[in-house]
Amino acid sequence: MQYVTKIFRAARGLARATALVVPGVFATWAGAAEPRVPYVPTPQEVVERMLQIAKVTSKDYLIDLGSGDGRIVVTAAKQHGARGFGVDLNPERIREANENAKRAGVLDKVAFYQRDLFETDLSEATVITMYLLPRVNLELRPRLLDLKPGTRIVSHDFSMEDWKPDVHVQMDAKEKYGGSGGNSDIYFWVIPAKVGGTWQWEMPVSGKRRPYQVVLTQKFQAVSGTVKTDGRDVPLQNLRLRGDQISFSFTAAVNGGPAKHEFSGKVEGEAISGTARLSGGRIQAQFDWSARRTVKAALIGAEPLAGSAVLHVPH
């Protein structure tokens, strides 16, 4: 039998020091008819800020993991025109969520399922929202990192440890903890393309084909690397990866003088395509640019946690 827990605590500093069951925990046994303690929802003001940070629009498909009374999915549909669904293990929460969706007039845009979040297909999502235990976030992390680059992830209160967020916002939530109020943390990530490895291409520079080789090392969205050109290794500068969009620059000699090389492109599996711009005292040029990966390297941090057991947790 699987043990299911969820923590709502005013002093989140206790999270790493306590056992899984503390006052304010949402705990059920798998298959149990009712939760052992009352459900505690994400404050509506936090919901709205989460959706604002994720820049949710009518083009988005949002999945809420542990959807409770459905307020995140319903708000995304009513205020932003998004479609999506929520999953929760508690049938009472599913009934409540459907009632809220009907009242809001968004049943044509949303759905709610009594389902284990670890057995839920996330591939359709452009945005995923969650309010889960820190350990569950880490269990989910490999699955999230395998989603389509550019997918946005928003977590209430709990981070992903060494996977640093792209945005971290703290706010005062007056509705939190049954109206007693408290601080809320909102963490936001954009799923990065997996770019680690060796990339090669050639460009027509000053009338001849010039080869380039870039080696990239990646830990989540943080990327570093070097480029080899004319037999020299040069460090990459201004390297930025945002979803499937990558850009970087470096300076290398062209026609006997230094030239700044600036590249930007879209990552699609084993290929990158985009534009390259060379500027210097002896060259000014812009090219279409495409590179192929010849050696693939793992995304550091994407592997499952050693010796960990999957926890199945409702919102």
C-alpha atoms as a PDB file:
ATOM      1  CA  MET A   1       0.000   0.000   0.000  1.00  0.00           C
ATOM      2  CA  GLN A   2       1.304   3.410  -0.967  1.00  0.00           C
ATOM      3  CA  TYR A   3       1.563   6.133   1.632  1.00  0.00           C
ATOM      4  CA  VAL A   4       0.428   9.518   0.393  1.00  0.00           C
ATOM      5  CA  THR A   5       1.293  12.806   2.051  1.00  0.00           C
ATOM      6  CA  LYS A   6       1.165  16.529   1.442  1.00  0.00           C
ATOM      7  CA  ILE A   7       2.489  19.297   3.636  1.00  0.00           C
ATOM      8  CA  PHE A   8       1.012  22.730   4.202  1.00  0.00           C
ATOM      9  CA  ARG A   9       3.126  24.471   6.833  1.00  0.00           C
ATOM     10  CA  ALA A  10       3.670  28.040   7.942  1.00  0.00           C
ATOM     11  CA  ALA A  11       7.275  27.320   8.893  1.00  0.00           C
ATOM     12  CA  ARG A  12       8.659  25.796   5.716  1.00  0.00           C
ATOM     13  CA  GLY A  13      12.073  25.694   7.355  1.00  0.00           C
ATOM     14  CA  LEU A  14      10.822  22.543   9.083  1.00  0.00           C
ATOM     15  CA  ALA A  15      10.376  20.776   5.753  1.00  0.00           C
ATOM     16  CA  ARG A  16      13.797  19.154   5.680  1.00  0.00           C
ATOM     17  CA  ALA A  17      13.891  18.416   9.395  1.00  0.00           C
ATOM     18  CA  THR A  18      10.486  16.836  10.002  1.00  0.00           C
ATOM     19  CA  ALA A  19       8.878  13.545   9.126  1.00  0.00           C
ATOM     20  CA  LEU A  20       6.261  13.479   6.423  1.00  0.00           C
ATOM     21  CA  VAL A  21       3.283  13.790   8.786  1.00  0.00           C
ATOM     22  CA  VAL A  22       2.954  17.070  10.722  1.00  0.00           C
ATOM     23  CA  PRO A  23      -0.011  19.291  11.695  1.00  0.00           C
ATOM     24  CA  GLY A  24      -1.585  20.605   8.506  1.00  0.00           C
ATOM     25  CA  VAL A  25      -0.577  17.612   6.395  1.00  0.00           C
ATOM     26  CA  PHE A  26      -2.872  16.299   3.705  1.00  0.00           C
ATOM     27  CA  ALA A  27      -2.415  12.553   4.178  1.00  0.00           C
ATOM     28  CA  THR A  28      -4.371   9.626   2.744  1.00  0.00           C
ATOM     29  CA  TRP A  29      -3.823   5.979   2.175  1.00  0.00           C
ATOM     30  CA  ALA A  30      -4.098   4.967  -1.466  1.00  0.00           C
ATOM     31  CA  GLY A  31      -7.677   3.912  -2.045  1.00  0.00           C
ATOM     32  CA  ALA A  32      -8.942   5.602   1.140  1.00  0.00           C
ATOM     33  CA  ALA A  33     -12.326   7.260   0.748  1.00  0.00           C
ATOM     34  CA  GLU A  34     -11.490  10.466   2.617  1.00  0.00           C
ATOM     35  CA  PRO A  35      -8.367  12.502   3.444  1.00  0.00           C
ATOM     36  CA  ARG A  36      -7.162  12.262   7.023  1.00  0.00           C
ATOM     37  CA  VAL A  37      -7.062  16.059   7.438  1.00  0.00           C
ATOM     38  CA  PRO A  38      -8.860  18.913   5.628  1.00  0.00           C
ATOM     39  CA  TYR A  39      -7.741  19.951   2.176  1.00  0.00           C
ATOM     40  CA  VAL A  40      -5.854  23.280   2.108  1.00  0.00           C
ATOM     41  CA  PRO A  41      -5.923  25.082  -1.274  1.00  0.00           C
ATOM     42  CA  THR A  42      -3.424  27.423  -2.883  1.00  0.00           C
ATOM     43  CA  PRO A  43      -4.564  30.999  -2.091  1.00  0.00           C
ATOM     44  CA  GLN A  44      -6.335  32.593  -5.051  1.00  0.00           C
ATOM     45  CA  GLU A  45      -3.951  35.552  -5.053  1.00  0.00           C
ATOM     46  CA  VAL A  46      -1.045  33.109  -5.387  1.00  0.00           C
ATOM     47  CA  VAL A  47      -2.866  31.282  -8.199  1.00  0.00           C
ATOM     48  CA  GLU A  48      -3.198  34.504 -10.150  1.00  0.00           C
ATOM     49  CA  ARG A  49       0.438  35.423  -9.618  1.00  0.00           C
ATOM     50  CA  MET A  50       1.569  31.961 -10.729  1.00  0.00           C
ATOM     51  CA  LEU A  51      -0.362  32.285 -13.980  1.00  0.00           C
ATOM     52  CA  GLN A  52       0.965  35.801 -14.491  1.00  0.00           C
ATOM     53  CA  ILE A  53       4.574  34.670 -14.032  1.00  0.00           C
ATOM     54  CA  ALA A  54       4.026  31.825 -16.502  1.00  0.00           C
ATOM     55  CA  LYS A  55       2.453  34.313 -18.973  1.00  0.00           C
ATOM     56  CA  VAL A  56      -0.492  31.990 -19.589  1.00  0.00           C
ATOM     57  CA  THR A  57      -2.575  32.836 -22.686  1.00  0.00           C
ATOM     58  CA  SER A  58      -5.378  31.317 -24.735  1.00  0.00           C
ATOM     59  CA  LYS A  59      -2.749  29.359 -26.679  1.00  0.00           C
ATOM     60  CA  ASP A  60      -1.721  27.364 -23.608  1.00  0.00           C
ATOM     61  CA  TYR A  61      -2.659  23.912 -22.392  1.00  0.00           C
ATOM     62  CA  LEU A  62      -2.227  23.770 -18.627  1.00  0.00           C
ATOM     63  CA  ILE A  63      -1.976  20.640 -16.455  1.00  0.00           C
ATOM     64  CA  ASP A  64      -2.281  20.994 -12.680  1.00  0.00           C
ATOM     65  CA  LEU A  65      -0.743  18.140 -10.696  1.00  0.00           C
ATOM     66  CA  GLY A  66      -2.849  17.689  -7.591  1.00  0.00           C
ATOM     67  CA  SER A  67      -5.626  20.036  -8.659  1.00  0.00           C
ATOM     68  CA  GLY A  68      -7.732  20.126  -5.465  1.00  0.00           C
ATOM     69  CA  ASP A  69     -10.811  22.286  -6.016  1.00  0.00           C
ATOM     70  CA  GLY A  70      -9.617  23.084  -9.546  1.00  0.00           C
ATOM     71  CA  ARG A  71      -8.996  26.775  -8.971  1.00  0.00           C
ATOM     72  CA  ILE A  72      -5.729  26.955 -10.943  1.00  0.00           C
ATOM     73  CA  VAL A  73      -7.163  25.295 -14.052  1.00  0.00           C
ATOM     74  CA  VAL A  74     -10.464  27.186 -13.775  1.00  0.00           C
ATOM     75  CA  THR A  75      -8.709  30.540 -13.305  1.00  0.00           C
ATOM     76  CA  ALA A  76      -6.416  29.853 -16.277  1.00  0.00           C
ATOM     77  CA  ALA A  77      -9.458  29.148 -18.440  1.00  0.00           C
ATOM     78  CA  LYS A  78     -11.684  31.986 -17.190  1.00  0.00           C
ATOM     79  CA  GLN A  79      -9.106  34.769 -16.977  1.00  0.00           C
ATOM     80  CA  HIS A  80      -6.641  33.748 -19.691  1.00  0.00           C
ATOM     81  CA  GLY A  81      -8.657  31.566 -22.093  1.00  0.00           C
ATOM     82  CA  ALA A  82      -6.352  28.562 -21.612  1.00  0.00           C
ATOM     83  CA  ARG A  83      -7.435  24.943 -21.876  1.00  0.00           C
ATOM     84  CA  GLY A  84      -6.261  22.112 -19.663  1.00  0.00           C
ATOM     85  CA  PHE A  85      -7.005  19.595 -16.956  1.00  0.00           C
ATOM     86  CA  GLY A  86      -6.208  18.748 -13.361  1.00  0.00           C
ATOM     87  CA  VAL A  87      -5.562  15.440 -11.611  1.00  0.00           C
ATOM     88  CA  ASP A  88      -6.187  14.536  -7.988  1.00  0.00           C
ATOM     89  CA  LEU A  89      -6.564  11.292  -6.034  1.00  0.00           C
ATOM     90  CA  ASN A  90      -9.500  12.524  -3.959  1.00  0.00           C
ATOM     91  CA  PRO A  91     -12.901  11.993  -5.647  1.00  0.00           C
ATOM     92  CA  GLU A  92     -14.486  14.727  -3.517  1.00  0.00           C
ATOM     93  CA  ARG A  93     -11.976  17.240  -4.863  1.00  0.00           C
ATOM     94  CA  ILE A  94     -12.774  16.131  -8.420  1.00  0.00           C
ATOM     95  CA  ARG A  95     -16.510  16.705  -7.835  1.00  0.00           C
ATOM     96  CA  GLU A  96     -15.766  20.094  -6.302  1.00  0.00           C
ATOM     97  CA  ALA A  97     -13.497  21.079  -9.199  1.00  0.00           C
ATOM     98  CA  ASN A  98     -16.146  20.167 -11.769  1.00  0.00           C
ATOM     99  CA  GLU A  99     -18.739  22.208  -9.871  1.00  0.00           C
ATOM    100  CA  ASN A 100     -16.376  25.190  -9.818  1.00  0.00           C
ATOM    101  CA  ALA A 101     -15.711  24.816 -13.545  1.00  0.00           C
ATOM    102  CA  LYS A 102     -19.472  24.705 -14.242  1.00  0.00           C
ATOM    103  CA  ARG A 103     -20.070  27.817 -12.141  1.00  0.00           C
ATOM    104  CA  ALA A 104     -17.272  29.628 -13.986  1.00  0.00           C
ATOM    105  CA  GLY A 105     -18.671  28.577 -17.367  1.00  0.00           C
ATOM    106  CA  VAL A 106     -15.469  26.872 -18.524  1.00  0.00           C
ATOM    107  CA  LEU A 107     -16.512  23.200 -18.787  1.00  0.00           C
ATOM    108  CA  ASP A 108     -15.774  23.421 -22.518  1.00  0.00           C
ATOM    109  CA  LYS A 109     -12.137  24.250 -21.755  1.00  0.00           C
ATOM    110  CA  VAL A 110     -11.221  22.134 -18.703  1.00  0.00           C
ATOM    111  CA  ALA A 111     -11.529  18.646 -17.222  1.00  0.00           C
ATOM    112  CA  PHE A 112     -10.594  16.938 -13.971  1.00  0.00           C
ATOM    113  CA  TYR A 113      -9.533  13.335 -13.451  1.00  0.00           C
ATOM    114  CA  GLN A 114      -9.168  11.122 -10.397  1.00  0.00           C
ATOM    115  CA  ARG A 115      -5.701   9.954 -11.298  1.00  0.00           C
ATOM    116  CA  ASP A 116      -2.219   9.425  -9.915  1.00  0.00           C
ATOM    117  CA  LEU A 117      -0.020  12.328 -11.037  1.00  0.00           C
ATOM    118  CA  PHE A 118       2.860   9.918 -11.728  1.00  0.00           C
ATOM    119  CA  GLU A 119       0.645   8.026 -14.174  1.00  0.00           C
ATOM    120  CA  THR A 120      -0.475  11.155 -16.012  1.00  0.00           C
ATOM    121  CA  ASP A 121       0.678  11.906 -19.555  1.00  0.00           C
ATOM    122  CA  LEU A 122       2.203  15.405 -19.463  1.00  0.00           C
ATOM    123  CA  SER A 123       3.267  15.639 -23.096  1.00  0.00           C
ATOM    124  CA  GLU A 124       0.383  17.908 -24.164  1.00  0.00           C
ATOM    125  CA  ALA A 125       1.160  20.577 -21.568  1.00  0.00           C
ATOM    126  CA  THR A 126       2.653  23.947 -22.372  1.00  0.00           C
ATOM    127  CA  VAL A 127       2.331  24.899 -18.665  1.00  0.00           C
ATOM    128  CA  ILE A 128       2.439  22.632 -15.596  1.00  0.00           C
ATOM    129  CA  THR A 129       1.474  23.882 -12.140  1.00  0.00           C
ATOM    130  CA  MET A 130       1.995  22.111  -8.822  1.00  0.00           C
ATOM    131  CA  TYR A 131       2.078  22.421  -5.037  1.00  0.00           C
ATOM    132  CA  LEU A 132       3.827  19.271  -3.855  1.00  0.00           C
ATOM    133  CA  LEU A 133       6.347  18.010  -1.350  1.00  0.00           C
ATOM    134  CA  PRO A 134      10.003  18.855  -2.076  1.00  0.00           C
ATOM    135  CA  ARG A 135      10.782  15.162  -2.437  1.00  0.00           C
ATOM    136  CA  VAL A 136       7.974  14.694  -4.945  1.00  0.00           C
ATOM    137  CA  ASN A 137       9.246  17.635  -6.988  1.00  0.00           C
ATOM    138  CA  LEU A 138      12.591  15.846  -7.209  1.00  0.00           C
ATOM    139  CA  GLU A 139      10.910  12.574  -8.193  1.00  0.00           C
ATOM    140  CA  LEU A 140       9.073  14.412 -10.959  1.00  0.00           C
ATOM    141  CA  ARG A 141      12.154  16.289 -12.117  1.00  0.00           C
ATOM    142  CA  PRO A 142      13.459  13.734 -14.662  1.00  0.00           C
ATOM    143  CA  ARG A 143      10.019  13.479 -16.272  1.00  0.00           C
ATOM    144  CA  LEU A 144       9.699  17.245 -16.449  1.00  0.00           C
ATOM    145  CA  LEU A 145      13.115  17.628 -18.042  1.00  0.00           C
ATOM    146  CA  ASP A 146      12.066  15.166 -20.767  1.00  0.00           C
ATOM    147  CA  LEU A 147       9.153  17.372 -21.797  1.00  0.00           C
ATOM    148  CA  LYS A 148       9.204  19.518 -24.919  1.00  0.00           C
ATOM    149  CA  PRO A 149      11.722  22.381 -24.561  1.00  0.00           C
ATOM    150  CA  GLY A 150       9.925  25.586 -23.737  1.00  0.00           C
ATOM    151  CA  THR A 151       7.319  23.949 -21.486  1.00  0.00           C
ATOM    152  CA  ARG A 152       6.822  26.180 -18.418  1.00  0.00           C
ATOM    153  CA  ILE A 153       6.745  24.801 -14.871  1.00  0.00           C
ATOM    154  CA  VAL A 154       5.345  26.736 -11.889  1.00  0.00           C
ATOM    155  CA  SER A 155       5.611  25.464  -8.315  1.00  0.00           C
ATOM    156  CA  HIS A 156       4.052  26.986  -5.205  1.00  0.00           C
ATOM    157  CA  ASP A 157       6.365  27.067  -2.173  1.00  0.00           C
ATOM    158  CA  PHE A 158       8.733  24.220  -3.087  1.00  0.00           C
ATOM    159  CA  SER A 159      11.808  24.351  -5.302  1.00  0.00           C
ATOM    160  CA  MET A 160      13.782  21.698  -7.222  1.00  0.00           C
ATOM    161  CA  GLU A 161      16.918  22.045  -5.073  1.00  0.00           C
ATOM    162  CA  ASP A 162      19.953  22.342  -7.393  1.00  0.00           C
ATOM    163  CA  TRP A 163      17.770  23.014 -10.459  1.00  0.00           C
ATOM    164  CA  LYS A 164      17.684  26.753  -9.923  1.00  0.00           C
ATOM    165  CA  PRO A 165      14.518  28.539 -11.103  1.00  0.00           C
ATOM    166  CA  ASP A 166      14.484  31.029 -13.953  1.00  0.00           C
ATOM    167  CA  VAL A 167      12.265  33.202 -11.745  1.00  0.00           C
ATOM    168  CA  HIS A 168      11.723  33.133  -7.967  1.00  0.00           C
ATOM    169  CA  VAL A 169       9.109  35.447  -6.448  1.00  0.00           C
ATOM    170  CA  GLN A 170       8.108  35.833  -2.805  1.00  0.00           C
ATOM    171  CA  MET A 171       4.755  37.336  -1.909  1.00  0.00           C
ATOM    172  CA  ASP A 172       2.529  37.894   1.109  1.00  0.00           C
ATOM    173  CA  ALA A 173      -0.574  35.699   0.869  1.00  0.00           C
ATOM    174  CA  LYS A 174      -3.337  36.911   3.170  1.00  0.00           C
ATOM    175  CA  GLU A 175      -5.525  33.841   2.488  1.00  0.00           C
ATOM    176  CA  LYS A 176      -2.823  31.342   3.398  1.00  0.00           C
ATOM    177  CA  TYR A 177      -3.220  28.820   6.224  1.00  0.00           C
ATOM    178  CA  GLY A 178      -6.957  29.274   6.564  1.00  0.00           C
ATOM    179  CA  GLY A 179      -6.794  33.068   6.508  1.00  0.00           C
ATOM    180  CA  SER A 180      -4.028  33.487   9.074  1.00  0.00           C
ATOM    181  CA  GLY A 181      -1.735  34.678   6.278  1.00  0.00           C
ATOM    182  CA  GLY A 182       1.867  33.918   5.418  1.00  0.00           C
ATOM    183  CA  ASN A 183       4.570  34.170   2.799  1.00  0.00           C
ATOM    184  CA  SER A 184       4.414  32.225  -0.445  1.00  0.00           C
ATOM    185  CA  ASP A 185       7.278  31.368  -2.768  1.00  0.00           C
ATOM    186  CA  ILE A 186       6.642  30.914  -6.478  1.00  0.00           C
ATOM    187  CA  TYR A 187       9.266  29.076  -8.544  1.00  0.00           C
ATOM    188  CA  PHE A 188       9.266  29.166 -12.342  1.00  0.00           C
ATOM    189  CA  TRP A 189      11.306  27.137 -14.841  1.00  0.00           C
ATOM    190  CA  VAL A 190      11.403  26.824 -18.613  1.00  0.00           C
ATOM    191  CA  ILE A 191      12.295  23.308 -19.767  1.00  0.00           C
ATOM    192  CA  PRO A 192      15.643  23.595 -21.587  1.00  0.00           C
ATOM    193  CA  ALA A 193      16.610  21.767 -24.751  1.00  0.00           C
ATOM    194  CA  LYS A 194      19.300  19.141 -24.215  1.00  0.00           C
ATOM    195  CA  VAL A 195      22.347  20.621 -25.919  1.00  0.00           C
ATOM    196  CA  GLY A 196      25.280  18.942 -24.167  1.00  0.00           C
ATOM    197  CA  GLY A 197      27.886  17.450 -26.492  1.00  0.00           C
ATOM    198  CA  THR A 198      29.907  18.317 -29.583  1.00  0.00           C
ATOM    199  CA  TRP A 199      28.449  20.360 -32.436  1.00  0.00           C
ATOM    200  CA  GLN A 200      30.065  20.968 -35.834  1.00  0.00           C
ATOM    201  CA  TRP A 201      29.406  23.176 -38.830  1.00  0.00           C
ATOM    202  CA  GLU A 202      31.082  25.064 -41.662  1.00  0.00           C
ATOM    203  CA  MET A 203      30.513  28.599 -42.951  1.00  0.00           C
ATOM    204  CA  PRO A 204      31.659  30.402 -46.110  1.00  0.00           C
ATOM    205  CA  VAL A 205      34.046  33.008 -44.672  1.00  0.00           C
ATOM    206  CA  SER A 206      36.002  35.183 -47.106  1.00  0.00           C
ATOM    207  CA  GLY A 207      35.395  32.835 -50.005  1.00  0.00           C
ATOM    208  CA  LYS A 208      36.251  29.521 -48.339  1.00  0.00           C
ATOM    209  CA  ARG A 209      34.557  27.011 -46.093  1.00  0.00           C
ATOM    210  CA  ARG A 210      35.651  27.457 -42.503  1.00  0.00           C
ATOM    211  CA  PRO A 211      35.024  24.653 -39.965  1.00  0.00           C
ATOM    212  CA  TYR A 212      33.855  25.217 -36.385  1.00  0.00           C
ATOM    213  CA  GLN A 213      33.468  22.785 -33.513  1.00  0.00           C
ATOM    214  CA  VAL A 214      31.683  23.669 -30.263  1.00  0.00           C
ATOM    215  CA  VAL A 215      31.699  21.530 -27.113  1.00  0.00           C
ATOM    216  CA  LEU A 216      28.869  22.306 -24.694  1.00  0.00           C
ATOM    217  CA  THR A 217      28.490  21.211 -21.069  1.00  0.00           C
ATOM    218  CA  GLN A 218      25.017  21.521 -19.617  1.00  0.00           C
ATOM    219  CA  LYS A 219      23.483  21.430 -16.132  1.00  0.00           C
ATOM    220  CA  PHE A 220      19.794  22.138 -16.493  1.00  0.00           C
ATOM    221  CA  GLN A 221      19.492  25.534 -18.276  1.00  0.00           C
ATOM    222  CA  ALA A 222      23.072  26.544 -17.401  1.00  0.00           C
ATOM    223  CA  VAL A 223      25.428  25.931 -20.336  1.00  0.00           C
ATOM    224  CA  SER A 224      29.140  26.577 -20.858  1.00  0.00           C
ATOM    225  CA  GLY A 225      31.490  25.677 -23.656  1.00  0.00           C
ATOM    226  CA  THR A 226      34.372  26.306 -26.014  1.00  0.00           C
ATOM    227  CA  VAL A 227      34.732  26.589 -29.773  1.00  0.00           C
ATOM    228  CA  LYS A 228      37.624  25.221 -31.830  1.00  0.00           C
ATOM    229  CA  THR A 229      38.454  27.182 -34.963  1.00  0.00           C
ATOM    230  CA  ASP A 230      41.765  27.433 -36.827  1.00  0.00           C
ATOM    231  CA  GLY A 231      43.200  24.908 -34.372  1.00  0.00           C
ATOM    232  CA  ARG A 232      42.536  27.105 -31.330  1.00  0.00           C
ATOM    233  CA  ASP A 233      40.087  26.653 -28.459  1.00  0.00           C
ATOM    234  CA  VAL A 234      38.206  29.834 -27.577  1.00  0.00           C
ATOM    235  CA  PRO A 235      35.722  30.175 -24.679  1.00  0.00           C
ATOM    236  CA  LEU A 236      32.120  30.938 -25.581  1.00  0.00           C
ATOM    237  CA  GLN A 237      30.652  34.172 -24.243  1.00  0.00           C
ATOM    238  CA  ASN A 238      27.087  35.357 -23.570  1.00  0.00           C
ATOM    239  CA  LEU A 239      25.852  31.770 -23.803  1.00  0.00           C
ATOM    240  CA  ARG A 240      22.105  31.641 -23.153  1.00  0.00           C
ATOM    241  CA  LEU A 241      19.653  28.751 -23.409  1.00  0.00           C
ATOM    242  CA  ARG A 242      15.939  29.443 -23.047  1.00  0.00           C
ATOM    243  CA  GLY A 243      13.741  26.517 -23.984  1.00  0.00           C
ATOM    244  CA  ASP A 244      14.767  25.587 -27.535  1.00  0.00           C
ATOM    245  CA  GLN A 245      16.445  28.954 -28.226  1.00  0.00           C
ATOM    246  CA  ILE A 246      20.225  29.198 -27.889  1.00  0.00           C
ATOM    247  CA  SER A 247      22.657  32.056 -28.470  1.00  0.00           C
ATOM    248  CA  PHE A 248      26.361  32.630 -27.884  1.00  0.00           C
ATOM    249  CA  SER A 249      29.325  34.621 -29.141  1.00  0.00           C
ATOM    250  CA  PHE A 250      33.117  34.486 -29.317  1.00  0.00           C
ATOM    251  CA  THR A 251      35.986  36.354 -30.906  1.00  0.00           C
ATOM    252  CA  ALA A 252      38.333  34.679 -33.385  1.00  0.00           C
ATOM    253  CA  ALA A 253      40.743  35.857 -36.074  1.00  0.00           C
ATOM    254  CA  VAL A 254      39.405  36.322 -39.608  1.00  0.00           C
ATOM    255  CA  ASN A 255      41.589  37.690 -42.438  1.00  0.00           C
ATOM    256  CA  GLY A 256      44.341  38.445 -39.959  1.00  0.00           C
ATOM    257  CA  GLY A 257      42.170  40.516 -37.601  1.00  0.00           C
ATOM    258  CA  PRO A 258      39.778  39.841 -34.706  1.00  0.00           C
ATOM    259  CA  ALA A 259      36.131  39.299 -35.584  1.00  0.00           C
ATOM    260  CA  LYS A 260      33.211  38.876 -33.261  1.00  0.00           C
ATOM    261  CA  HIS A 261      31.094  35.845 -34.048  1.00  0.00           C
ATOM    262  CA  GLU A 262      27.465  35.952 -32.862  1.00  0.00           C
ATOM    263  CA  PHE A 263      25.172  32.923 -33.233  1.00  0.00           C
ATOM    264  CA  SER A 264      21.507  32.408 -32.451  1.00  0.00           C
ATOM    265  CA  GLY A 265      19.303  29.503 -33.346  1.00  0.00           C
ATOM    266  CA  LYS A 266      16.638  26.951 -32.542  1.00  0.00           C
ATOM    267  CA  VAL A 267      17.534  23.529 -31.189  1.00  0.00           C
ATOM    268  CA  GLU A 268      15.666  20.651 -32.821  1.00  0.00           C
ATOM    269  CA  GLY A 269      17.020  17.333 -31.562  1.00  0.00           C
ATOM    270  CA  GLU A 270      20.445  16.822 -33.098  1.00  0.00           C
ATOM    271  CA  ALA A 271      20.386  20.043 -35.135  1.00  0.00           C
ATOM    272  CA  ILE A 272      20.533  23.782 -34.540  1.00  0.00           C
ATOM    273  CA  SER A 273      19.543  26.269 -37.220  1.00  0.00           C
ATOM    274  CA  GLY A 274      19.527  30.033 -37.158  1.00  0.00           C
ATOM    275  CA  THR A 275      21.701  32.994 -38.095  1.00  0.00           C
ATOM    276  CA  ALA A 276      25.358  33.917 -37.622  1.00  0.00           C
ATOM    277  CA  ARG A 277      26.839  37.398 -37.734  1.00  0.00           C
ATOM    278  CA  LEU A 278      30.541  38.245 -38.082  1.00  0.00           C
ATOM    279  CA  SER A 279      31.761  41.777 -37.394  1.00  0.00           C
ATOM    280  CA  GLY A 280      35.257  43.211 -37.299  1.00  0.00           C
ATOM    281  CA  GLY A 281      37.618  45.607 -38.984  1.00  0.00           C
ATOM    282  CA  ARG A 282      38.145  43.240 -41.925  1.00  0.00           C
ATOM    283  CA  ILE A 283      34.774  41.512 -42.233  1.00  0.00           C
ATOM    284  CA  GLN A 284      31.091  42.317 -41.935  1.00  0.00           C
ATOM    285  CA  ALA A 285      28.817  39.412 -42.841  1.00  0.00           C
ATOM    286  CA  GLN A 286      25.655  37.560 -41.908  1.00  0.00           C
ATOM    287  CA  PHE A 287      24.857  33.940 -42.766  1.00  0.00           C
ATOM    288  CA  ASP A 288      22.216  31.305 -42.339  1.00  0.00           C
ATOM    289  CA  TRP A 289      23.716  28.864 -39.866  1.00  0.00           C
ATOM    290  CA  SER A 290      23.104  25.203 -39.101  1.00  0.00           C
ATOM    291  CA  ALA A 291      25.022  22.806 -36.867  1.00  0.00           C
ATOM    292  CA  ARG A 292      24.834  19.063 -36.252  1.00  0.00           C
ATOM    293  CA  ARG A 293      25.601  17.247 -33.016  1.00  0.00           C
ATOM    294  CA  THR A 294      28.267  14.592 -33.526  1.00  0.00           C
ATOM    295  CA  VAL A 295      28.708  13.534 -29.887  1.00  0.00           C
ATOM    296  CA  LYS A 296      25.861  13.671 -27.361  1.00  0.00           C
ATOM    297  CA  ALA A 297      26.380  14.325 -23.642  1.00  0.00           C
ATOM    298  CA  ALA A 298      23.923  13.850 -20.795  1.00  0.00           C
ATOM    299  CA  LEU A 299      22.057  16.725 -19.210  1.00  0.00           C
ATOM    300  CA  ILE A 300      23.541  16.859 -15.709  1.00  0.00           C
ATOM    301  CA  GLY A 301      20.824  16.564 -13.067  1.00  0.00           C
ATOM    302  CA  ALA A 302      18.256  14.853 -15.303  1.00  0.00           C
ATOM    303  CA  GLU A 303      18.883  11.391 -13.898  1.00  0.00           C
ATOM    304  CA  PRO A 304      16.553   9.904 -11.248  1.00  0.00           C
ATOM    305  CA  LEU A 305      17.625  10.149  -7.610  1.00  0.00           C
ATOM    306  CA  ALA A 306      19.574   7.103  -6.483  1.00  0.00           C
ATOM    307  CA  GLY A 307      17.707   4.815  -4.124  1.00  0.00           C
ATOM    308  CA  SER A 308      14.558   6.921  -4.104  1.00  0.00           C
ATOM    309  CA  ALA A 309      11.033   5.592  -3.980  1.00  0.00           C
ATOM    310  CA  VAL A 310       8.255   7.279  -5.913  1.00  0.00           C
ATOM    311  CA  LEU A 311       5.715   9.055  -3.697  1.00  0.00           C
ATOM    312  CA  HIS A 312       2.171   9.422  -5.006  1.00  0.00           C
ATOM    313  CA  VAL A 313       0.825  12.703  -3.740  1.00  0.00           C
ATOM    314  CA  PRO A 314      -2.429  14.617  -4.344  1.00  0.00           C
ATOM    315  CA  HIS A 315      -2.578  18.421  -4.386  1.00  0.00           C
END
